[in-house]
Amino acid sequence: MATGTEPQPRTGVHDASRAAITARHLRTDRWWLAPAATAAGLLAFVVYSTWRAFANADYYAAPYVSPFYSPCLAENCVPMKDGPNWAIFGSWWGLSPALLILIFPLGFRLTCYYYRKAYYRGFWASPPACAVAEPHKTYSGETRFPLILQNIHRYFFYAAVPVAGILTYDTVLAFRDETYAWGHMGLGTLVFLVNIVLIWAYTFSCHSCRHIVGGKLKHFSRHPVRYRLWGWVGKLNARHMQLAWASLLSVALADFYVYLVASGAFDDPRLF
């Protein structure tokens, strides 16, 4: 029997258990700045890499080859002495040979856990920031096409490792001069060295790499080597975001440096 003292139900969109706050969020800082900067940075790289990939020119200046074009797998590649120049796919209908190889490193980054977070927030506002509601009414995560394809990230990791190995070979070849004589070092050699270190660091900091090294182990004490490797990869993984951006910048810088030298806009300074 009702006594007349029971709490009365609240009217409107809010129930009795929640505060009646109509604002979408209570953040007063410039929360939009981070996703906007992320979107601008990623968009700049997309525009630049698209231009360079379709340019099909100025990607080799002995002894340097652009990381966007290595390995070069088409017949219409510029001849490179001792370089990774393998005519496997013919002329590829006259298209740029960069399109044959970029699918692997770009696929690796596109499906990367950090980059997914970055462009989900930056371009799709899903969500735009912490404690800020997203504008979408429904949410299915990565369970439907095309986002379900993000699950192939681990397979792109297996493809990214040999590509990084080839870029390491290119860096070794950079210890030559324009006549292919060994024992020389130019400014481009330093650019390539920094780039390959960041490429490997980003690759090894990948979540898939961490799982491969230490995943599915029930007893770390029985696998001391894998446990130590897992610890090293874990330390890199903690810097995955920073390494993702640093390596993205370095690979674009390495390509741009080769472009400047190959186009004649800049002469590679020889350090010794």
Foldseek 3Di string as FASTA:
>chain_A
DDPPPDDDFDDDDDTPVDDPDPDQFDDPDPLLPQLQVLLVVVVVLVVLLVCVQQVLALQCQPPAGALLCPPQADPPHDDHVVANDHHHPYCVVVGRSSVVQVCLVVVLQCLFPVVVVNCCLNPVCVPVGPRGDRPDPDDDDQPDPPSVVSVCNLVSLVVLVVSLVSLVVSLLQQQADSVSHHNWHWPLSVLSVQLSVLSVLLSLLTPSNLCVLDNPDPDCVVVVVSVVSNVVSPVSVVCNVVSSVSNSVSSSVSSVVSSCCSVVVDPTGIPD
